[in-house]
Structures are given as C-alpha cells and as structure tokens.
N, C-alpha and C. Protein backbone atom coordinates (compact mmCIF):
# COMPACT_ATOMS: atom_id res chain seq x y z
N UNK A 1 3.19 12.14 -18.98
CA UNK A 1 2.55 13.22 -18.45
C UNK A 1 1.33 12.42 -17.32
N UNK A 2 1.61 12.45 -15.81
CA UNK A 2 0.77 12.02 -15.02
C UNK A 2 -0.82 12.00 -15.19
N UNK A 3 -1.63 11.39 -14.92
CA UNK A 3 -3.05 11.24 -15.25
C UNK A 3 -3.45 12.51 -14.21
N UNK A 4 -4.79 13.11 -14.78
CA UNK A 4 -5.37 13.69 -13.68
C UNK A 4 -5.92 13.09 -12.54
N UNK A 5 -5.81 13.70 -11.33
CA UNK A 5 -6.16 13.23 -10.22
C UNK A 5 -8.02 13.78 -10.50
N UNK A 6 -8.63 12.61 -10.11
CA UNK A 6 -10.38 12.99 -10.14
C UNK A 6 -11.20 12.41 -8.74
N UNK A 7 -9.99 12.40 -8.05
CA UNK A 7 -10.61 11.50 -6.81
C UNK A 7 -12.15 12.57 -6.33
N UNK A 8 -12.05 13.48 -6.44
CA UNK A 8 -13.55 14.58 -6.25
C UNK A 8 -14.58 14.69 -6.79
N UNK A 9 -14.08 14.61 -8.02
CA UNK A 9 -15.24 14.43 -9.54
C UNK A 9 -16.49 13.81 -9.17
N UNK A 10 -17.48 14.06 -9.23
CA UNK A 10 -18.78 13.31 -9.38
C UNK A 10 -18.75 11.80 -10.02
N UNK A 11 -19.09 11.22 -9.45
CA UNK A 11 -18.83 10.02 -10.01
C UNK A 11 -17.54 9.22 -9.95
N UNK A 12 -16.44 9.95 -8.39
CA UNK A 12 -15.40 9.16 -8.30
C UNK A 12 -15.65 9.29 -6.64
N UNK A 13 -14.51 8.58 -6.29
CA UNK A 13 -14.14 8.19 -4.68
C UNK A 13 -12.52 8.39 -4.45
N UNK A 14 -12.61 8.91 -3.62
CA UNK A 14 -11.31 9.48 -3.22
C UNK A 14 -10.62 7.94 -2.20
N UNK A 15 -9.09 7.35 -2.80
CA UNK A 15 -8.62 6.57 -2.51
C UNK A 15 -7.65 7.20 -2.30
N UNK A 16 -7.12 6.21 -0.64
CA UNK A 16 -6.00 6.08 -0.56
C UNK A 16 -5.28 4.76 -0.31
N UNK A 17 -3.73 4.71 -0.72
CA UNK A 17 -3.36 3.59 -1.56
C UNK A 17 -2.36 3.58 -0.36
N UNK A 18 -2.16 1.69 0.23
CA UNK A 18 -1.30 1.34 0.92
C UNK A 18 -0.52 0.15 0.43
N UNK A 19 0.65 0.41 0.51
CA UNK A 19 1.78 -0.54 0.56
C UNK A 19 1.49 -1.74 1.20
N UNK A 20 0.96 -2.97 0.85
CA UNK A 20 1.36 -4.06 2.17
C UNK A 20 3.10 -5.10 1.93
N UNK A 21 3.56 -4.74 3.23
CA UNK A 21 4.61 -5.76 3.19
C UNK A 21 4.59 -6.12 4.52
N UNK A 22 5.84 -6.99 4.62
CA UNK A 22 6.02 -7.65 6.00
C UNK A 22 6.39 -7.04 7.06
N UNK A 23 6.61 -5.32 6.66
CA UNK A 23 7.06 -4.73 8.40
C UNK A 23 5.71 -4.88 9.35
N UNK A 24 6.38 -4.98 10.05
CA UNK A 24 5.42 -4.71 11.60
C UNK A 24 4.71 -3.47 11.47
N UNK A 25 5.34 -1.99 10.81
CA UNK A 25 4.33 -1.21 11.17
C UNK A 25 3.75 -0.92 9.97
N UNK A 26 3.58 -1.90 9.14
CA UNK A 26 2.23 -1.81 8.12
C UNK A 26 0.93 -1.29 8.56
N UNK A 27 0.98 -2.08 9.45
CA UNK A 27 -0.50 -2.19 10.41
C UNK A 27 -0.79 -0.77 10.52
N UNK A 28 -0.14 0.22 10.91
CA UNK A 28 -0.37 1.91 11.09
C UNK A 28 -0.66 2.30 9.56
N UNK A 29 0.26 1.83 8.94
CA UNK A 29 -0.78 2.96 7.70
C UNK A 29 -1.63 2.38 7.03
N UNK A 30 -2.09 0.95 7.43
CA UNK A 30 -3.43 0.58 7.26
C UNK A 30 -4.56 1.20 8.02
N UNK A 31 -4.17 0.48 9.15
CA UNK A 31 -5.39 1.60 10.35
C UNK A 31 -5.63 3.23 10.32
N UNK A 32 -4.59 3.80 9.98
CA UNK A 32 -4.41 5.25 9.66
C UNK A 32 -5.65 5.48 8.26
N UNK A 33 -5.22 5.08 7.38
CA UNK A 33 -5.91 4.96 5.67
C UNK A 33 -7.37 4.42 5.82
N UNK A 34 -7.32 3.40 6.72
CA UNK A 34 -8.81 3.29 7.02
C UNK A 34 -9.68 4.12 7.73
N UNK A 35 -9.07 4.58 8.52
CA UNK A 35 -9.79 5.55 9.62
C UNK A 35 -10.51 6.96 8.60
N UNK A 36 -9.03 6.96 7.90
CA UNK A 36 -8.96 8.49 7.24
C UNK A 36 -10.12 8.09 6.17
N UNK A 37 -10.19 7.07 5.45
CA UNK A 37 -11.01 6.48 4.47
C UNK A 37 -12.71 6.83 5.06
N UNK A 38 -12.84 5.93 5.86
CA UNK A 38 -14.15 6.34 6.35
C UNK A 38 -14.88 7.44 7.08
N UNK A 39 -13.29 8.47 7.16
CA UNK A 39 -13.68 9.98 7.80
C UNK A 39 -14.29 10.45 6.67
N UNK A 40 -13.98 10.34 5.37
CA UNK A 40 -13.85 11.42 4.13
C UNK A 40 -14.98 10.90 2.88
N UNK A 41 -15.29 9.47 3.79
CA UNK A 41 -16.31 8.72 2.32
C UNK A 41 -15.02 8.67 1.16
N UNK A 42 -14.36 8.08 1.62
CA UNK A 42 -13.41 7.27 0.33
C UNK A 42 -13.21 6.18 0.61
N UNK A 43 -12.17 5.29 -0.25
CA UNK A 43 -12.12 3.94 0.34
C UNK A 43 -10.62 3.95 0.10
N UNK A 44 -9.25 2.09 0.46
CA UNK A 44 -8.69 2.02 0.42
C UNK A 44 -8.29 1.39 -0.76
N UNK A 45 -7.29 1.25 -1.48
CA UNK A 45 -6.45 0.43 -1.92
C UNK A 45 -5.16 -0.41 -1.29
N UNK A 46 -5.26 -1.52 -1.41
CA UNK A 46 -4.27 -2.24 -0.79
C UNK A 46 -3.63 -2.90 -2.27
N UNK A 47 -1.85 -2.79 -1.54
CA UNK A 47 -1.06 -3.00 -3.06
C UNK A 47 0.27 -4.09 -1.94
N UNK A 48 0.12 -5.08 -2.86
CA UNK A 48 0.89 -6.26 -2.53
C UNK A 48 1.82 -6.25 -3.64
N UNK A 49 3.32 -6.46 -3.77
CA UNK A 49 4.01 -6.53 -4.77
C UNK A 49 4.97 -7.66 -4.43
N UNK A 50 4.79 -8.69 -5.58
CA UNK A 50 5.92 -9.89 -5.54
C UNK A 50 6.88 -9.96 -6.26
N UNK A 51 7.63 -9.88 -5.38
CA UNK A 51 9.11 -9.34 -6.49
C UNK A 51 9.80 -10.72 -7.27
N UNK A 52 9.58 -10.51 -8.66
CA UNK A 52 9.95 -11.40 -9.32
C UNK A 52 11.49 -12.06 -9.06
N UNK A 53 11.91 -13.36 -9.49
CA UNK A 53 13.30 -13.53 -8.83
C UNK A 53 14.07 -14.01 -10.29
N UNK A 54 15.09 -14.52 -10.51
CA UNK A 54 15.88 -14.63 -11.81
C UNK A 54 15.03 -15.77 -12.83
N UNK A 55 14.65 -15.27 -13.39
CA UNK A 55 14.07 -15.93 -14.45
C UNK A 55 15.02 -17.60 -14.86
N UNK A 56 15.63 -17.55 -14.65
CA UNK A 56 16.76 -18.42 -15.52
C UNK A 56 16.59 -19.79 -14.20
N UNK A 57 15.52 -19.53 -13.44
CA UNK A 57 15.05 -20.69 -13.07
C UNK A 57 13.80 -21.24 -13.37
N UNK A 58 13.52 -20.91 -14.34
CA UNK A 58 12.19 -21.36 -15.43
C UNK A 58 12.42 -22.69 -15.22
N UNK A 59 13.62 -23.60 -15.45
CA UNK A 59 13.56 -25.26 -15.21
C UNK A 59 13.18 -25.63 -14.69
N UNK A 60 12.04 -27.21 -15.22
CA UNK A 60 11.45 -27.68 -14.14
C UNK A 60 10.40 -27.08 -13.05
N UNK A 61 9.97 -26.14 -14.18
CA UNK A 61 9.07 -25.16 -13.48
C UNK A 61 9.01 -24.77 -11.78
N UNK A 62 10.33 -24.37 -11.39
CA UNK A 62 10.65 -24.10 -10.25
C UNK A 62 10.27 -22.61 -10.10
N UNK A 63 10.42 -21.91 -11.38
CA UNK A 63 9.63 -20.32 -11.02
C UNK A 63 8.29 -19.96 -10.98
N UNK A 64 8.01 -21.31 -11.48
CA UNK A 64 6.27 -21.03 -11.24
C UNK A 64 5.75 -21.14 -9.93
N UNK A 65 6.44 -22.10 -9.16
CA UNK A 65 6.08 -22.49 -7.83
C UNK A 65 6.08 -21.80 -7.01
N UNK A 66 7.55 -20.93 -7.52
CA UNK A 66 7.97 -19.48 -6.63
C UNK A 66 6.79 -18.58 -6.95
N UNK A 67 6.50 -18.69 -7.81
CA UNK A 67 5.61 -17.66 -8.73
C UNK A 67 3.89 -17.62 -7.44
N UNK A 68 3.49 -18.86 -7.48
CA UNK A 68 2.42 -19.60 -6.98
C UNK A 68 2.55 -19.35 -5.21
N UNK A 69 3.55 -19.66 -4.82
CA UNK A 69 3.66 -19.77 -3.26
C UNK A 69 3.90 -18.20 -2.92
N UNK A 70 4.57 -17.45 -3.51
CA UNK A 70 4.52 -15.99 -3.52
C UNK A 70 3.33 -15.25 -3.07
N UNK A 71 2.56 -15.43 -4.51
CA UNK A 71 0.93 -15.37 -4.62
C UNK A 71 0.32 -15.67 -3.96
N UNK A 72 0.31 -17.12 -3.13
CA UNK A 72 -0.53 -17.11 -2.31
C UNK A 72 -0.27 -16.45 -0.39
N UNK A 73 1.23 -16.16 -0.70
CA UNK A 73 1.58 -15.16 0.80
C UNK A 73 1.05 -13.57 0.87
N UNK A 74 1.27 -13.47 -0.67
CA UNK A 74 0.29 -11.82 -0.68
C UNK A 74 -1.33 -11.98 -0.67
N UNK A 75 -1.75 -13.01 -1.08
CA UNK A 75 -3.18 -12.98 -0.81
C UNK A 75 -3.23 -13.19 0.18
N UNK A 76 -2.29 -13.95 1.23
CA UNK A 76 -2.79 -14.16 2.87
C UNK A 76 -2.60 -12.65 3.60
N UNK A 77 -1.69 -11.88 2.93
CA UNK A 77 -1.18 -10.80 4.11
C UNK A 77 -2.14 -9.63 3.67
N UNK A 78 -2.99 -9.88 2.20
CA UNK A 78 -3.67 -8.94 2.13
C UNK A 78 -4.87 -9.35 3.14
N UNK A 79 -5.30 -10.50 2.94
CA UNK A 79 -6.64 -11.08 4.01
C UNK A 79 -6.57 -10.51 4.87
N UNK A 80 -5.39 -10.50 5.76
CA UNK A 80 -5.09 -9.90 6.85
C UNK A 80 -5.66 -8.72 7.41
N UNK A 81 -4.77 -8.18 6.45
CA UNK A 81 -4.99 -6.76 6.63
C UNK A 81 -6.52 -6.05 6.09
N UNK A 82 -6.82 -6.35 4.88
CA UNK A 82 -8.04 -6.53 4.73
C UNK A 82 -9.41 -6.58 5.84
N UNK A 83 -8.98 -7.70 7.01
CA UNK A 83 -10.11 -8.11 7.90
C UNK A 83 -9.92 -6.89 8.59
N UNK A 84 -8.86 -6.66 9.10
CA UNK A 84 -8.17 -5.19 9.85
C UNK A 84 -8.89 -4.15 9.45
N UNK A 85 -8.86 -3.78 8.44
CA UNK A 85 -9.45 -2.63 7.95
C UNK A 85 -10.98 -2.74 8.20
N UNK A 86 -11.68 -3.61 8.33
CA UNK A 86 -13.34 -3.61 8.30
C UNK A 86 -13.27 -3.80 9.73
N UNK A 87 -12.23 -4.00 10.81
CA UNK A 87 -12.69 -4.00 11.94
C UNK A 87 -12.76 -2.66 12.64
N UNK A 88 -11.50 -1.73 12.20
CA UNK A 88 -11.23 -0.29 12.21
C UNK A 88 -12.47 0.24 11.83
N UNK A 89 -12.70 0.28 11.05
CA UNK A 89 -13.16 1.37 9.78
C UNK A 89 -14.65 0.90 9.66
N UNK A 90 -15.00 -0.17 9.48
CA UNK A 90 -16.02 -1.05 8.41
C UNK A 90 -16.15 -0.92 7.04
N UNK A 91 -14.93 -0.75 6.25
CA UNK A 91 -14.77 -0.36 4.94
C UNK A 91 -14.52 -1.78 4.54
N UNK A 92 -14.24 -2.35 3.22
CA UNK A 92 -13.95 -3.03 2.61
C UNK A 92 -12.55 -2.69 1.34
N UNK A 93 -11.66 -2.53 1.62
CA UNK A 93 -10.46 -2.05 1.00
C UNK A 93 -10.80 -2.89 -0.30
N UNK A 94 -10.27 -2.26 -1.86
CA UNK A 94 -9.93 -3.27 -3.22
C UNK A 94 -8.30 -3.76 -2.67
N UNK A 95 -7.71 -4.73 -2.88
CA UNK A 95 -6.90 -5.80 -2.89
C UNK A 95 -6.31 -5.67 -4.33
N UNK A 96 -4.98 -5.42 -4.71
CA UNK A 96 -3.97 -5.48 -5.51
C UNK A 96 -2.78 -6.03 -5.57
N UNK A 97 -2.21 -7.11 -6.25
CA UNK A 97 -1.40 -7.79 -6.25
C UNK A 97 -0.75 -7.67 -7.61
N UNK A 98 0.85 -7.23 -7.47
CA UNK A 98 1.02 -7.03 -8.43
C UNK A 98 2.69 -7.60 -8.50
N UNK A 99 3.60 -8.04 -9.49
CA UNK A 99 4.75 -8.76 -9.85
C UNK A 99 5.70 -7.53 -10.65
N UNK A 100 6.44 -7.46 -9.34
CA UNK A 100 7.88 -6.76 -10.35
C UNK A 100 8.58 -6.01 -9.20
N UNK A 101 8.86 -4.29 -9.64
CA UNK A 101 9.99 -3.64 -8.65
C UNK A 101 8.47 -3.44 -7.83
N UNK A 102 9.12 -3.01 -6.81
CA UNK A 102 8.12 -2.20 -5.79
C UNK A 102 7.77 -0.69 -6.31
N UNK A 103 8.79 0.06 -6.71
CA UNK A 103 8.61 1.30 -6.73
C UNK A 103 7.89 1.43 -8.03
N UNK A 104 8.28 1.06 -8.68
CA UNK A 104 7.65 0.86 -10.46
C UNK A 104 6.02 0.49 -10.50
N UNK A 105 5.85 -0.56 -9.59
CA UNK A 105 4.49 -0.86 -9.40
C UNK A 105 3.49 -0.22 -8.61
N UNK A 106 4.01 0.70 -7.62
CA UNK A 106 3.04 1.69 -7.14
C UNK A 106 2.95 2.81 -8.04
N UNK A 107 4.06 3.05 -8.82
CA UNK A 107 3.82 4.25 -9.55
C UNK A 107 2.47 4.24 -11.07
N UNK A 108 2.67 2.55 -11.23
CA UNK A 108 2.05 2.07 -12.19
C UNK A 108 0.60 2.05 -11.64
N UNK A 109 0.28 1.77 -10.89
CA UNK A 109 -0.95 1.60 -10.23
C UNK A 109 -1.49 3.23 -9.66
N UNK A 110 -0.67 3.67 -9.63
CA UNK A 110 -1.25 5.19 -9.37
C UNK A 110 -2.02 5.72 -10.81
N UNK A 111 -0.98 5.66 -11.53
CA UNK A 111 -1.34 5.99 -13.01
C UNK A 111 -2.34 6.19 -13.57
N UNK A 112 -2.72 4.42 -13.34
CA UNK A 112 -4.07 3.53 -13.86
C UNK A 112 -5.45 4.20 -13.12
N UNK A 113 -5.31 4.69 -12.05
CA UNK A 113 -6.08 4.83 -10.98
C UNK A 113 -6.58 6.15 -10.59
N UNK A 114 -7.16 7.09 -11.32
CA UNK A 114 -7.06 8.40 -11.09
C UNK A 114 -7.63 8.95 -9.90
N UNK A 115 -8.64 7.95 -9.31
CA UNK A 115 -9.00 8.21 -8.01
C UNK A 115 -7.92 7.93 -6.70
N UNK A 116 -6.75 7.29 -6.83
CA UNK A 116 -5.75 7.52 -5.78
C UNK A 116 -5.37 9.36 -5.53
N UNK A 117 -5.69 9.33 -4.46
CA UNK A 117 -5.04 10.48 -4.51
C UNK A 117 -4.10 11.00 -3.15
N UNK A 118 -3.56 10.17 -2.56
CA UNK A 118 -2.44 10.14 -1.50
C UNK A 118 -2.11 8.59 -1.31
N UNK A 119 -0.46 8.73 -1.22
CA UNK A 119 -0.09 7.30 -1.00
C UNK A 119 0.66 7.10 0.65
N UNK A 120 -0.02 6.22 0.94
CA UNK A 120 0.42 6.13 2.43
C UNK A 120 1.14 4.97 3.23
N UNK A 121 2.34 5.53 4.07
CA UNK A 121 3.33 4.38 4.21
C UNK A 121 3.52 4.57 5.63
N UNK A 122 4.72 3.47 5.92
CA UNK A 122 4.26 3.17 7.69
C UNK A 122 5.68 3.62 8.14
N UNK A 123 6.80 4.17 8.85
CA UNK A 123 7.93 4.54 9.00
C UNK A 123 7.99 2.89 10.42
N UNK A 124 9.57 2.57 10.52
CA UNK A 124 9.89 1.69 10.91
C UNK A 124 10.40 2.58 12.59
N UNK A 125 10.22 2.04 13.72
CA UNK A 125 10.45 2.55 14.85
C UNK A 125 12.21 1.98 15.39
N UNK A 126 12.43 1.20 14.67
CA UNK A 126 13.79 0.60 15.39
C UNK A 126 15.00 1.11 14.68
N UNK A 127 16.00 0.23 15.30
CA UNK A 127 17.16 1.26 15.42
C UNK A 127 17.78 1.23 13.53
N UNK A 128 17.24 -0.01 13.00
CA UNK A 128 17.28 -0.13 11.67
C UNK A 128 16.86 1.12 10.93
N UNK A 129 16.09 1.94 11.24
CA UNK A 129 15.62 2.96 10.31
C UNK A 129 14.30 2.66 10.15
N UNK A 130 13.62 3.77 8.71
CA UNK A 130 12.53 4.02 8.52
C UNK A 130 11.85 2.79 7.64
N UNK A 131 12.58 1.85 6.99
CA UNK A 131 12.26 0.50 6.13
C UNK A 131 13.16 1.13 5.26
N UNK A 132 12.58 -0.07 4.48
CA UNK A 132 13.41 0.25 3.26
C UNK A 132 12.33 0.91 2.01
N UNK A 133 11.31 0.56 1.90
CA UNK A 133 10.33 1.25 1.20
C UNK A 133 10.32 2.93 1.36
N UNK A 134 10.55 3.55 2.93
CA UNK A 134 10.27 4.75 3.27
C UNK A 134 10.85 5.43 3.03
N UNK A 135 12.60 4.40 2.93
CA UNK A 135 13.42 5.27 2.29
C UNK A 135 13.70 5.50 1.07
N UNK A 136 13.63 4.56 0.26
CA UNK A 136 13.25 4.59 -1.21
C UNK A 136 11.98 5.73 -1.82
N UNK A 137 11.43 5.33 -1.44
CA UNK A 137 9.93 6.17 -1.53
C UNK A 137 9.87 7.51 -1.45
N UNK A 138 11.04 8.31 0.18
CA UNK A 138 11.01 9.30 0.44
C UNK A 138 12.12 10.14 -0.09
N UNK A 139 12.97 9.29 -0.76
CA UNK A 139 13.77 10.21 -1.78
C UNK A 139 12.99 10.70 -2.60
N UNK A 140 12.34 9.93 -3.30
CA UNK A 140 11.95 10.38 -4.69
C UNK A 140 10.13 11.04 -4.68
N UNK A 141 9.88 11.22 -3.45
CA UNK A 141 8.69 12.07 -3.36
C UNK A 141 8.14 13.25 -4.19
N UNK A 142 8.99 13.88 -3.99
CA UNK A 142 9.39 15.20 -4.82
C UNK A 142 8.85 15.31 -6.18
N UNK A 143 8.62 13.35 -6.72
CA UNK A 143 8.70 13.38 -8.16
C UNK A 143 7.72 12.88 -7.81
N UNK A 144 6.82 12.13 -7.31
CA UNK A 144 5.68 11.39 -7.49
C UNK A 144 4.14 12.23 -7.86
N UNK A 145 3.41 11.83 -8.45
CA UNK A 145 2.29 12.80 -8.81
C UNK A 145 0.88 13.21 -7.89
N UNK A 146 1.37 12.19 -6.68
CA UNK A 146 0.80 12.64 -5.78
C UNK A 146 0.99 12.72 -4.03
N UNK A 147 0.68 13.28 -3.23
CA UNK A 147 1.25 13.42 -2.02
C UNK A 147 1.60 11.61 -0.91
N UNK A 148 2.68 12.04 -0.41
CA UNK A 148 2.92 10.65 -0.10
C UNK A 148 3.08 11.17 1.22
N UNK A 149 2.00 10.28 2.48
CA UNK A 149 2.23 10.22 3.83
C UNK A 149 2.63 9.12 4.47
N UNK A 150 3.62 9.68 5.56
CA UNK A 150 4.26 8.36 6.16
C UNK A 150 4.11 8.74 8.09
N UNK A 151 3.42 7.62 7.87
CA UNK A 151 2.27 7.47 9.82
C UNK A 151 3.86 6.89 10.29
N UNK A 152 3.93 7.89 11.69
CA UNK A 152 5.22 7.28 12.49
C UNK A 152 4.90 5.75 13.30
N UNK A 153 5.43 4.77 12.88
CA UNK A 153 5.33 3.56 13.52
C UNK A 153 4.92 3.59 15.03
N UNK A 154 5.41 4.24 16.12
CA UNK A 154 5.25 4.06 17.05
C UNK A 154 3.66 4.61 17.84
N UNK A 155 3.18 5.14 16.81
CA UNK A 155 1.58 5.89 17.16
C UNK A 155 0.46 4.96 17.19
N UNK A 156 -0.75 4.89 18.57
CA UNK A 156 -1.45 3.71 18.89
C UNK A 156 -2.41 4.51 18.07
N UNK A 157 -3.70 3.31 18.13
CA UNK A 157 -4.86 3.84 17.63
C UNK A 157 -5.39 5.07 17.85
N UNK A 158 -5.23 5.22 19.20
CA UNK A 158 -5.74 6.36 19.90
C UNK A 158 -5.11 7.71 19.41
N UNK A 159 -3.90 7.43 18.59
CA UNK A 159 -3.37 8.46 18.65
C UNK A 159 -3.71 8.84 17.13
N UNK A 160 -3.55 7.91 16.48
CA UNK A 160 -4.21 8.11 14.91
C UNK A 160 -5.25 8.47 14.79
N UNK A 161 -6.28 8.08 15.79
CA UNK A 161 -7.74 8.55 15.71
C UNK A 161 -7.71 9.83 15.53
N UNK A 162 -7.23 10.38 16.64
CA UNK A 162 -6.77 11.96 16.65
C UNK A 162 -6.55 12.68 15.65
N UNK A 163 -5.45 12.19 14.56
CA UNK A 163 -4.97 12.48 13.57
C UNK A 163 -5.69 12.55 12.08
N UNK A 164 -6.67 11.44 12.25
CA UNK A 164 -7.23 10.71 11.07
C UNK A 164 -8.66 11.45 10.88
C-alpha cells in the first residue's frame, strides 16, 4: 500500500520530483518544477538513475570503473540542472542518484519520501516521439501513487511561467 502523502501537513514541504535524463527536453521539466516549487513554497527533488550493467563484467574491476564513470556523469548532469533551478527560481533542489531500473527507482523514491506530491516529466518534440521514459511512465501513470505532469518540450520559458 502506498504511503500517505504529507506534503501540506505541518512540518512538511511539498516536493516536485523531476527525473534527470540525457534528453534535451529535460530542461523544460526542471524549469517548470523549479518555478512551480518557488511559487508554492515547495522544493524540487531531482533524480538521476544510473542503469546497472551486466554483473558478469566484474572481472578486473571493469564494472567498478563503469559504475564510477556513470556516477561522475550523473553528478555532472545533476550539477548542471541544480544551477539551472537556482538561476530560474532561486531554489536549491535535493539531488538523488540511484542505481537500477528507472521506473523501479522512481517508484521507490516516491514511496520513501512522503512529501513528494507530483512527478514532472517533459515530452520530446521530435519525430521519434515523447521519449522512452515518458512513454513508459505514461502507460502506467494510472497506477502511480501521485499525479504525473508531462510538460510539452516545445514550451518556452515565458509560456511555462504563465502556467506554473
């Protein structure tokens, strides 16, 4: 059974969860979440998931090297979007790095943090579709314990300002 959301109870603060990936439109989700959090007096949690690779590559420490490189990349991506959130809304997001499957880690973090009240993603605008994460989560959104907001990737900062 999903945890009760406590975002607006005394001693709690509403949090918007943004998944940080390598897509161009990720900036739109960060921008929207940051502006919305600032407006409601909430905060942002940025999640970067490092996908685990084949464990059989453990020989000679290859898996450890790959894991360290992936973590370094995750920290760099989070740092980039942390600076973006500070510049557009004056907030300092919480950064979380997890290892494993994207969907599983998103659900696990939502379950662990009872203040997260919405998941914010951005859809791609190219001919290849909205993106694999949006497509996967979109199919299962009805089963999520919180609302899922999908920001159209073509929206400008000014258009998002009017909506958030």
